[in-house]
C-alpha atoms as a PDB file:
ATOM      1  CA  MET A   1     -19.316  -2.682   9.685  1.00  0.00           C
ATOM      2  CA  ALA A   2     -23.114  -2.357   9.671  1.00  0.00           C
ATOM      3  CA  LEU A   3     -22.764   0.832  11.691  1.00  0.00           C
ATOM      4  CA  ILE A   4     -20.465   2.348   9.059  1.00  0.00           C
ATOM      5  CA  GLU A   5     -22.828   1.572   6.192  1.00  0.00           C
ATOM      6  CA  TRP A   6     -25.803   2.910   8.134  1.00  0.00           C
ATOM      7  CA  VAL A   7     -24.056   6.198   9.002  1.00  0.00           C
ATOM      8  CA  ASP A   8     -23.186   6.943   5.391  1.00  0.00           C
ATOM      9  CA  ARG A   9     -26.569   6.104   3.930  1.00  0.00           C
ATOM     10  CA  ILE A  10     -29.127   7.791   6.161  1.00  0.00           C
ATOM     11  CA  LYS A  11     -29.950  11.468   6.253  1.00  0.00           C
ATOM     12  CA  LEU A  12     -28.718  12.459   9.710  1.00  0.00           C
ATOM     13  CA  LEU A  13     -31.134  14.414  11.898  1.00  0.00           C
ATOM     14  CA  PRO A  14     -29.929  17.346  14.069  1.00  0.00           C
ATOM     15  CA  GLY A  15     -28.093  16.018  17.110  1.00  0.00           C
ATOM     16  CA  VAL A  16     -27.698  12.487  15.757  1.00  0.00           C
ATOM     17  CA  ARG A  17     -24.281  12.836  14.125  1.00  0.00           C
ATOM     18  CA  PRO A  18     -22.322  13.620  17.333  1.00  0.00           C
ATOM     19  CA  VAL A  19     -23.762  10.520  18.983  1.00  0.00           C
ATOM     20  CA  LEU A  20     -22.870   8.320  16.029  1.00  0.00           C
ATOM     21  CA  GLU A  21     -19.382   9.800  15.820  1.00  0.00           C
ATOM     22  CA  GLN A  22     -18.788   8.926  19.471  1.00  0.00           C
ATOM     23  CA  ARG A  23     -19.991   5.359  18.888  1.00  0.00           C
ATOM     24  CA  TYR A  24     -17.745   4.965  15.864  1.00  0.00           C
ATOM     25  CA  GLU A  25     -14.778   6.438  17.742  1.00  0.00           C
ATOM     26  CA  ARG A  26     -15.125   3.746  20.436  1.00  0.00           C
ATOM     27  CA  PHE A  27     -15.407   1.051  17.760  1.00  0.00           C
ATOM     28  CA  PHE A  28     -12.415   2.428  15.818  1.00  0.00           C
ATOM     29  CA  ALA A  29     -10.242   2.604  18.943  1.00  0.00           C
ATOM     30  CA  THR A  30     -10.708  -1.038  19.921  1.00  0.00           C
ATOM     31  CA  ALA A  31     -11.672  -3.125  16.841  1.00  0.00           C
ATOM     32  CA  ALA A  32      -9.072  -5.793  16.122  1.00  0.00           C
ATOM     33  CA  ASP A  33     -10.440  -7.634  13.079  1.00  0.00           C
ATOM     34  CA  HIS A  34     -11.393  -4.814  10.700  1.00  0.00           C
ATOM     35  CA  GLN A  35      -9.683  -2.487   8.245  1.00  0.00           C
ATOM     36  CA  LEU A  36     -11.114   0.874   9.314  1.00  0.00           C
ATOM     37  CA  PHE A  37     -10.650   4.533   8.430  1.00  0.00           C
ATOM     38  CA  ARG A  38     -11.365   7.683  10.380  1.00  0.00           C
ATOM     39  CA  GLY A  39     -11.147  11.394   9.622  1.00  0.00           C
ATOM     40  CA  ILE A  40      -9.656  13.720   6.999  1.00  0.00           C
ATOM     41  CA  TYR A  41      -6.307  15.342   7.775  1.00  0.00           C
ATOM     42  CA  GLY A  42      -3.808  17.615   6.089  1.00  0.00           C
ATOM     43  CA  SER A  43      -0.666  15.659   6.974  1.00  0.00           C
ATOM     44  CA  PHE A  44       0.694  12.426   8.440  1.00  0.00           C
ATOM     45  CA  GLU A  45       1.645  14.327  11.579  1.00  0.00           C
ATOM     46  CA  GLU A  46      -1.906  15.577  12.102  1.00  0.00           C
ATOM     47  CA  ALA A  47      -3.354  12.095  11.555  1.00  0.00           C
ATOM     48  CA  THR A  48      -0.820  10.589  13.974  1.00  0.00           C
ATOM     49  CA  ARG A  49      -1.679  13.119  16.676  1.00  0.00           C
ATOM     50  CA  SER A  50      -5.355  12.154  16.359  1.00  0.00           C
ATOM     51  CA  ALA A  51      -4.742   8.418  16.907  1.00  0.00           C
ATOM     52  CA  PRO A  52      -6.302   6.794  20.002  1.00  0.00           C
ATOM     53  CA  ASN A  53      -3.854   5.570  22.638  1.00  0.00           C
ATOM     54  CA  THR A  54      -5.210   2.011  22.503  1.00  0.00           C
ATOM     55  CA  LYS A  55      -2.705   0.686  19.934  1.00  0.00           C
ATOM     56  CA  PRO A  56       0.757   1.541  18.554  1.00  0.00           C
ATOM     57  CA  VAL A  57       1.118   3.881  15.588  1.00  0.00           C
ATOM     58  CA  GLY A  58       2.860   2.573  12.466  1.00  0.00           C
ATOM     59  CA  TYR A  59       4.019  -0.750  11.010  1.00  0.00           C
ATOM     60  CA  ASP A  60       7.390  -0.788  12.773  1.00  0.00           C
ATOM     61  CA  ASP A  61       6.144  -2.991  15.595  1.00  0.00           C
ATOM     62  CA  PRO A  62       6.031  -6.757  16.260  1.00  0.00           C
ATOM     63  CA  GLY A  63       2.223  -6.894  15.827  1.00  0.00           C
ATOM     64  CA  PRO A  64       2.093  -5.593  12.240  1.00  0.00           C
ATOM     65  CA  ALA A  65       5.232  -7.593  11.418  1.00  0.00           C
ATOM     66  CA  GLU A  66       3.321 -10.811  12.066  1.00  0.00           C
ATOM     67  CA  MET A  67       0.401  -9.904   9.797  1.00  0.00           C
ATOM     68  CA  TYR A  68      -0.309 -11.584   6.458  1.00  0.00           C
ATOM     69  CA  ARG A  69       1.405 -14.891   7.316  1.00  0.00           C
ATOM     70  CA  GLY A  70      -1.747 -16.636   6.104  1.00  0.00           C
ATOM     71  CA  ARG A  71      -1.432 -15.012   2.683  1.00  0.00           C
ATOM     72  CA  LEU A  72       2.033 -16.205   1.748  1.00  0.00           C
ATOM     73  CA  ASP A  73       0.816 -18.666  -0.856  1.00  0.00           C
ATOM     74  CA  GLN A  74      -2.384 -16.937  -1.977  1.00  0.00           C
ATOM     75  CA  VAL A  75      -3.232 -14.620  -4.838  1.00  0.00           C
ATOM     76  CA  PHE A  76      -6.329 -12.441  -4.973  1.00  0.00           C
ATOM     77  CA  PRO A  77      -8.274 -10.778  -7.808  1.00  0.00           C
ATOM     78  CA  THR A  78      -6.240  -7.599  -7.247  1.00  0.00           C
ATOM     79  CA  ASP A  79      -3.054  -9.551  -8.050  1.00  0.00           C
ATOM     80  CA  TYR A  80      -3.897 -10.428 -11.642  1.00  0.00           C
ATOM     81  CA  PRO A  81      -2.986  -7.100 -13.344  1.00  0.00           C
ATOM     82  CA  PRO A  82       0.523  -7.025 -11.801  1.00  0.00           C
ATOM     83  CA  LEU A  83       0.904 -10.754 -12.443  1.00  0.00           C
ATOM     84  CA  PHE A  84       0.110 -10.117 -16.114  1.00  0.00           C
ATOM     85  CA  TRP A  85       2.754  -7.425 -16.496  1.00  0.00           C
ATOM     86  CA  LEU A  86       5.381  -9.235 -14.438  1.00  0.00           C
ATOM     87  CA  SER A  87       4.912 -12.318 -16.626  1.00  0.00           C
ATOM     88  CA  LYS A  88       6.093 -10.157 -19.536  1.00  0.00           C
ATOM     89  CA  LEU A  89       8.823  -8.191 -17.762  1.00  0.00           C
ATOM     90  CA  LEU A  90      10.611 -10.759 -15.617  1.00  0.00           C
ATOM     91  CA  ALA A  91      12.153 -12.669 -18.515  1.00  0.00           C
ATOM     92  CA  ASN A  92      14.458  -9.708 -19.193  1.00  0.00           C
ATOM     93  CA  ALA A  93      14.866  -8.547 -15.604  1.00  0.00           C
ATOM     94  CA  ARG A  94      17.663  -9.192 -13.154  1.00  0.00           C
ATOM     95  CA  SER A  95      16.255  -7.258 -10.198  1.00  0.00           C
ATOM     96  CA  LEU A  96      12.914  -6.327  -8.672  1.00  0.00           C
ATOM     97  CA  PHE A  97      12.489  -3.881  -5.783  1.00  0.00           C
ATOM     98  CA  ASP A  98       9.349  -4.656  -3.780  1.00  0.00           C
ATOM     99  CA  PHE A  99       8.581  -1.449  -1.882  1.00  0.00           C
ATOM    100  CA  GLY A 100       6.516  -2.171   1.217  1.00  0.00           C
ATOM    101  CA  GLY A 101       6.465  -5.874   0.412  1.00  0.00           C
ATOM    102  CA  HIS A 102       6.158  -6.842   4.083  1.00  0.00           C
ATOM    103  CA  VAL A 103       7.724 -10.281   4.747  1.00  0.00           C
ATOM    104  CA  GLY A 104       7.858 -11.136   1.039  1.00  0.00           C
ATOM    105  CA  VAL A 105       4.148 -11.893   0.677  1.00  0.00           C
ATOM    106  CA  LYS A 106       4.058 -11.355  -3.097  1.00  0.00           C
ATOM    107  CA  TYR A 107       7.378 -13.117  -3.669  1.00  0.00           C
ATOM    108  CA  TYR A 108       5.972 -16.326  -2.195  1.00  0.00           C
ATOM    109  CA  ALA A 109       2.507 -16.018  -3.744  1.00  0.00           C
ATOM    110  CA  TYR A 110       3.704 -15.046  -7.216  1.00  0.00           C
ATOM    111  CA  SER A 111       6.402 -17.738  -7.320  1.00  0.00           C
ATOM    112  CA  ARG A 112       3.576 -20.268  -7.707  1.00  0.00           C
ATOM    113  CA  TYR A 113       2.434 -18.621 -10.952  1.00  0.00           C
ATOM    114  CA  LEU A 114       5.515 -16.982 -12.457  1.00  0.00           C
ATOM    115  CA  GLU A 115       8.808 -18.458 -13.550  1.00  0.00           C
ATOM    116  CA  PHE A 116      11.449 -16.380 -11.804  1.00  0.00           C
ATOM    117  CA  PRO A 117      14.759 -16.158 -13.696  1.00  0.00           C
ATOM    118  CA  PRO A 118      17.460 -18.137 -11.836  1.00  0.00           C
ATOM    119  CA  ASN A 119      19.500 -14.978 -11.189  1.00  0.00           C
ATOM    120  CA  LEU A 120      16.582 -12.720 -10.189  1.00  0.00           C
ATOM    121  CA  GLN A 121      17.263 -10.583  -7.121  1.00  0.00           C
ATOM    122  CA  TRP A 122      13.950  -9.784  -5.378  1.00  0.00           C
ATOM    123  CA  THR A 123      14.542  -7.095  -2.746  1.00  0.00           C
ATOM    124  CA  VAL A 124      11.842  -6.172  -0.238  1.00  0.00           C
ATOM    125  CA  CYS A 125      12.020  -2.752   1.386  1.00  0.00           C
ATOM    126  CA  ASP A 126      10.062  -2.286   4.604  1.00  0.00           C
ATOM    127  CA  VAL A 127      10.320  -0.903   8.130  1.00  0.00           C
ATOM    128  CA  PRO A 128      12.928  -2.554  10.406  1.00  0.00           C
ATOM    129  CA  ALA A 129      10.550  -4.779  12.438  1.00  0.00           C
ATOM    130  CA  VAL A 130       8.972  -6.170   9.281  1.00  0.00           C
ATOM    131  CA  ALA A 131      12.298  -6.543   7.457  1.00  0.00           C
ATOM    132  CA  ARG A 132      13.721  -8.554  10.364  1.00  0.00           C
ATOM    133  CA  ALA A 133      10.686 -10.854  10.400  1.00  0.00           C
ATOM    134  CA  GLY A 134      10.933 -11.243   6.607  1.00  0.00           C
ATOM    135  CA  ALA A 135      14.630 -12.128   6.677  1.00  0.00           C
ATOM    136  CA  GLU A 136      13.985 -14.778   9.338  1.00  0.00           C
ATOM    137  CA  LEU A 137      11.118 -16.249   7.319  1.00  0.00           C
ATOM    138  CA  ALA A 138      13.272 -16.299   4.169  1.00  0.00           C
ATOM    139  CA  ARG A 139      15.892 -18.349   6.016  1.00  0.00           C
ATOM    140  CA  GLU A 140      13.222 -20.757   7.260  1.00  0.00           C
ATOM    141  CA  ARG A 141      11.853 -21.174   3.731  1.00  0.00           C
ATOM    142  CA  SER A 142      15.249 -21.164   1.978  1.00  0.00           C
ATOM    143  CA  ALA A 143      13.911 -18.434  -0.330  1.00  0.00           C
ATOM    144  CA  ARG A 144      16.277 -18.017  -3.266  1.00  0.00           C
ATOM    145  CA  GLY A 145      17.237 -14.470  -4.260  1.00  0.00           C
ATOM    146  CA  LEU A 146      15.031 -12.797  -1.607  1.00  0.00           C
ATOM    147  CA  THR A 147      16.640 -10.097   0.525  1.00  0.00           C
ATOM    148  CA  PHE A 148      15.392  -7.313   2.804  1.00  0.00           C
ATOM    149  CA  VAL A 149      16.397  -3.666   3.208  1.00  0.00           C
ATOM    150  CA  THR A 150      14.957  -0.631   4.980  1.00  0.00           C
ATOM    151  CA  ASP A 151      16.199   2.147   2.681  1.00  0.00           C
ATOM    152  CA  PHE A 152      14.375   3.169  -0.507  1.00  0.00           C
ATOM    153  CA  GLY A 153      17.713   4.333  -1.918  1.00  0.00           C
ATOM    154  CA  SER A 154      18.461   0.664  -2.620  1.00  0.00           C
ATOM    155  CA  ALA A 155      15.875   0.851  -5.436  1.00  0.00           C
ATOM    156  CA  SER A 156      18.431   2.667  -7.589  1.00  0.00           C
ATOM    157  CA  GLY A 157      19.405   0.617 -10.635  1.00  0.00           C
ATOM    158  CA  ASN A 158      16.725  -2.040 -10.252  1.00  0.00           C
ATOM    159  CA  ASP A 159      14.913  -3.147 -13.393  1.00  0.00           C
ATOM    160  CA  ILE A 160      11.433  -3.196 -11.810  1.00  0.00           C
ATOM    161  CA  LEU A 161       9.947  -1.213  -8.947  1.00  0.00           C
ATOM    162  CA  PHE A 162       6.846  -2.912  -7.536  1.00  0.00           C
ATOM    163  CA  CYS A 163       4.566  -1.025  -5.114  1.00  0.00           C
ATOM    164  CA  CYS A 164       1.567  -3.108  -4.084  1.00  0.00           C
ATOM    165  CA  GLY A 165      -0.643  -1.628  -1.370  1.00  0.00           C
ATOM    166  CA  SER A 166       2.245   0.315   0.140  1.00  0.00           C
ATOM    167  CA  LEU A 167       2.336   3.882  -1.184  1.00  0.00           C
ATOM    168  CA  GLN A 168      -0.608   4.924   0.985  1.00  0.00           C
ATOM    169  CA  TYR A 169       1.491   4.302   4.104  1.00  0.00           C
ATOM    170  CA  VAL A 170       4.344   6.546   2.950  1.00  0.00           C
ATOM    171  CA  GLU A 171       4.212  10.297   3.413  1.00  0.00           C
ATOM    172  CA  THR A 172       6.655  11.136   0.613  1.00  0.00           C
ATOM    173  CA  PRO A 173       5.049  10.902  -2.870  1.00  0.00           C
ATOM    174  CA  LEU A 174       6.417   8.196  -5.150  1.00  0.00           C
ATOM    175  CA  GLU A 175       7.738  10.636  -7.739  1.00  0.00           C
ATOM    176  CA  LYS A 176       9.732  12.483  -5.055  1.00  0.00           C
ATOM    177  CA  LEU A 177      11.199   9.210  -3.772  1.00  0.00           C
ATOM    178  CA  LEU A 178      12.184   8.273  -7.316  1.00  0.00           C
ATOM    179  CA  GLY A 179      13.625  11.736  -7.921  1.00  0.00           C
ATOM    180  CA  GLY A 180      16.212  11.052  -5.219  1.00  0.00           C
ATOM    181  CA  LEU A 181      17.600   7.974  -7.001  1.00  0.00           C
ATOM    182  CA  ARG A 182      20.712   8.072  -9.141  1.00  0.00           C
ATOM    183  CA  ASP A 183      19.477   5.405 -11.547  1.00  0.00           C
ATOM    184  CA  LEU A 184      15.708   5.151 -12.072  1.00  0.00           C
ATOM    185  CA  PRO A 185      14.018   1.749 -12.492  1.00  0.00           C
ATOM    186  CA  LYS A 186      12.984   0.996 -16.068  1.00  0.00           C
ATOM    187  CA  HIS A 187       9.540  -0.231 -15.049  1.00  0.00           C
ATOM    188  CA  VAL A 188       7.247   0.823 -12.195  1.00  0.00           C
ATOM    189  CA  ILE A 189       4.143  -1.153 -11.247  1.00  0.00           C
ATOM    190  CA  VAL A 190       1.751   0.465  -8.763  1.00  0.00           C
ATOM    191  CA  SER A 191      -1.158  -1.648  -7.534  1.00  0.00           C
ATOM    192  CA  SER A 192      -3.873  -1.706  -4.837  1.00  0.00           C
ATOM    193  CA  THR A 193      -3.466   2.022  -4.301  1.00  0.00           C
ATOM    194  CA  PRO A 194      -6.159   4.520  -3.215  1.00  0.00           C
ATOM    195  CA  LEU A 195      -6.182   7.020  -6.055  1.00  0.00           C
ATOM    196  CA  GLY A 196      -9.137   9.387  -6.349  1.00  0.00           C
ATOM    197  CA  ASP A 197     -10.306  12.157  -8.631  1.00  0.00           C
ATOM    198  CA  GLY A 198     -10.477  14.810  -5.899  1.00  0.00           C
ATOM    199  CA  PRO A 199      -7.701  16.572  -3.969  1.00  0.00           C
ATOM    200  CA  SER A 200      -5.153  14.457  -2.093  1.00  0.00           C
ATOM    201  CA  PHE A 201      -5.617  14.029   1.663  1.00  0.00           C
ATOM    202  CA  VAL A 202      -4.632  11.879   4.633  1.00  0.00           C
ATOM    203  CA  THR A 203      -6.892   9.684   6.758  1.00  0.00           C
ATOM    204  CA  LEU A 204      -6.152   7.408   9.721  1.00  0.00           C
ATOM    205  CA  ASN A 205      -6.233   3.658   9.141  1.00  0.00           C
ATOM    206  CA  SER A 206      -6.716   0.970  11.795  1.00  0.00           C
ATOM    207  CA  ILE A 207      -5.048  -2.227  10.595  1.00  0.00           C
ATOM    208  CA  GLY A 208      -6.218  -4.107  13.669  1.00  0.00           C
ATOM    209  CA  THR A 209      -2.877  -4.229  15.482  1.00  0.00           C
ATOM    210  CA  ALA A 210      -1.924  -0.566  14.985  1.00  0.00           C
ATOM    211  CA  PHE A 211      -3.020   2.805  13.628  1.00  0.00           C
ATOM    212  CA  CYS A 212      -1.360   4.220  10.508  1.00  0.00           C
ATOM    213  CA  PRO A 213      -1.561   7.567   8.699  1.00  0.00           C
ATOM    214  CA  TYR A 214      -2.917   6.760   5.249  1.00  0.00           C
ATOM    215  CA  SER A 215      -2.507   8.824   2.081  1.00  0.00           C
ATOM    216  CA  VAL A 216      -5.253   9.031  -0.555  1.00  0.00           C
ATOM    217  CA  ARG A 217      -3.789  10.713  -3.616  1.00  0.00           C
ATOM    218  CA  GLN A 218      -5.273  12.385  -6.615  1.00  0.00           C
ATOM    219  CA  ARG A 219      -4.666  10.116  -9.604  1.00  0.00           C
ATOM    220  CA  THR A 220      -3.653  12.904 -12.001  1.00  0.00           C
ATOM    221  CA  GLU A 221      -1.121  14.207  -9.467  1.00  0.00           C
ATOM    222  CA  LEU A 222       0.669  10.854  -9.452  1.00  0.00           C
ATOM    223  CA  VAL A 223       0.545  10.457 -13.231  1.00  0.00           C
ATOM    224  CA  ARG A 224       1.888  13.951 -13.920  1.00  0.00           C
ATOM    225  CA  GLY A 225       4.669  13.469 -11.379  1.00  0.00           C
ATOM    226  CA  MET A 226       5.734  10.236 -13.050  1.00  0.00           C
ATOM    227  CA  GLN A 227       5.596  11.830 -16.485  1.00  0.00           C
ATOM    228  CA  ARG A 228       7.916  14.604 -15.321  1.00  0.00           C
ATOM    229  CA  LEU A 229      10.445  11.883 -14.468  1.00  0.00           C
ATOM    230  CA  GLY A 230      10.222  10.492 -17.994  1.00  0.00           C
ATOM    231  CA  TYR A 231       7.720   7.672 -17.456  1.00  0.00           C
ATOM    232  CA  GLU A 232       4.785   6.869 -19.708  1.00  0.00           C
ATOM    233  CA  VAL A 233       1.530   5.252 -18.597  1.00  0.00           C
ATOM    234  CA  GLU A 234       1.515   1.886 -20.348  1.00  0.00           C
ATOM    235  CA  ASP A 235      -1.597   0.566 -18.598  1.00  0.00           C
ATOM    236  CA  GLU A 236      -4.098   1.404 -15.829  1.00  0.00           C
ATOM    237  CA  TRP A 237      -6.670  -0.696 -13.998  1.00  0.00           C
ATOM    238  CA  GLU A 238      -9.191  -0.617 -11.174  1.00  0.00           C
ATOM    239  CA  HIS A 239      -9.700  -2.893  -8.181  1.00  0.00           C
ATOM    240  CA  PRO A 240     -13.477  -2.579  -7.712  1.00  0.00           C
ATOM    241  CA  GLY A 241     -13.638  -5.010  -4.803  1.00  0.00           C
ATOM    242  CA  LYS A 242     -11.332  -2.896  -2.631  1.00  0.00           C
ATOM    243  CA  THR A 243     -12.786   0.174  -0.903  1.00  0.00           C
ATOM    244  CA  CYS A 244     -11.758   2.990   1.428  1.00  0.00           C
ATOM    245  CA  ILE A 245     -14.914   3.927   3.328  1.00  0.00           C
ATOM    246  CA  ILE A 246     -14.408   6.879   5.679  1.00  0.00           C
ATOM    247  CA  PRO A 247     -17.524   7.270   7.839  1.00  0.00           C
ATOM    248  CA  PHE A 248     -19.061  10.782   7.814  1.00  0.00           C
ATOM    249  CA  HIS A 249     -16.982  11.620   4.704  1.00  0.00           C
ATOM    250  CA  PRO A 250     -18.801  10.056   1.722  1.00  0.00           C
ATOM    251  CA  ARG A 251     -17.240  12.453  -0.817  1.00  0.00           C
ATOM    252  CA  GLU A 252     -13.713  11.385   0.109  1.00  0.00           C
ATOM    253  CA  SER A 253     -14.541   7.669   0.366  1.00  0.00           C
ATOM    254  CA  LEU A 254     -13.415   5.437  -2.512  1.00  0.00           C
ATOM    255  CA  MET A 255     -15.416   2.557  -3.941  1.00  0.00           C
ATOM    256  CA  SER A 256     -12.395   1.134  -5.769  1.00  0.00           C
ATOM    257  CA  TYR A 257      -8.611   1.264  -5.751  1.00  0.00           C
ATOM    258  CA  ARG A 258      -6.372   1.659  -8.796  1.00  0.00           C
ATOM    259  CA  GLY A 259      -3.149   0.468 -10.311  1.00  0.00           C
ATOM    260  CA  ALA A 260      -0.851   1.395 -13.184  1.00  0.00           C
ATOM    261  CA  TYR A 261       2.225   0.278 -15.075  1.00  0.00           C
ATOM    262  CA  PHE A 262       4.691   3.081 -15.881  1.00  0.00           C
ATOM    263  CA  ARG A 263       7.447   2.469 -18.444  1.00  0.00           C
ATOM    264  CA  SER A 264      10.519   4.670 -18.713  1.00  0.00           C
ATOM    265  CA  ALA A 265      10.637   6.490 -22.030  1.00  0.00           C
ATOM    266  CA  ARG A 266      14.315   7.359 -21.596  1.00  0.00           C
END
């Protein structure tokens, strides 16, 4: 990581940048214990084509499916805004749709701090490899009310849609996904999401076990899209400890992530 910080802070001399880019490319292609970003692209397809051949592309693979097992019973500073709103919403909720919730990481962590209603149905939607691993873990842990699906259409009719650190891995914007549902969720909580003030773009993320196209969206684009669906912004917050540093692209890099709670006005 020292190389990344150095590249973005010095004034590069003629001929130096290509050398540093080659060094970073080798590091990016092989690093296993870092969250890394590389490049600016116009689409998921373009980012995917640029990926090194040293690791799989995407989360639908056994390696990514085994990630985050050590976080099942932990909460982090970024969890407190959604925990606050869920503490208010769950009492009157029967269903929560956890989009990109991996193996149920937040279900297990939040159950230590929130009182889930006895009849709450917590549905995690993720790619098939992750959903299979999550269903197996739920059986091992006898997790009550926790189920797994792979289709976002199952979000229709749920009381709460929860998107924590997942929207950046999905090419289709949230408002377009919601627009395809017959019955919109009453509440939408978006957290740990890279939302910037500039134009939206795609970068390539190394998660250690795989490479993933990664969407960085313009905040106002998301908000306006949600408002067109009849949602109001009830609250917004920042996650200043979470960054998206893209070497050689300081203008596009983010020094914090964002979150929001949208409430249906209909």
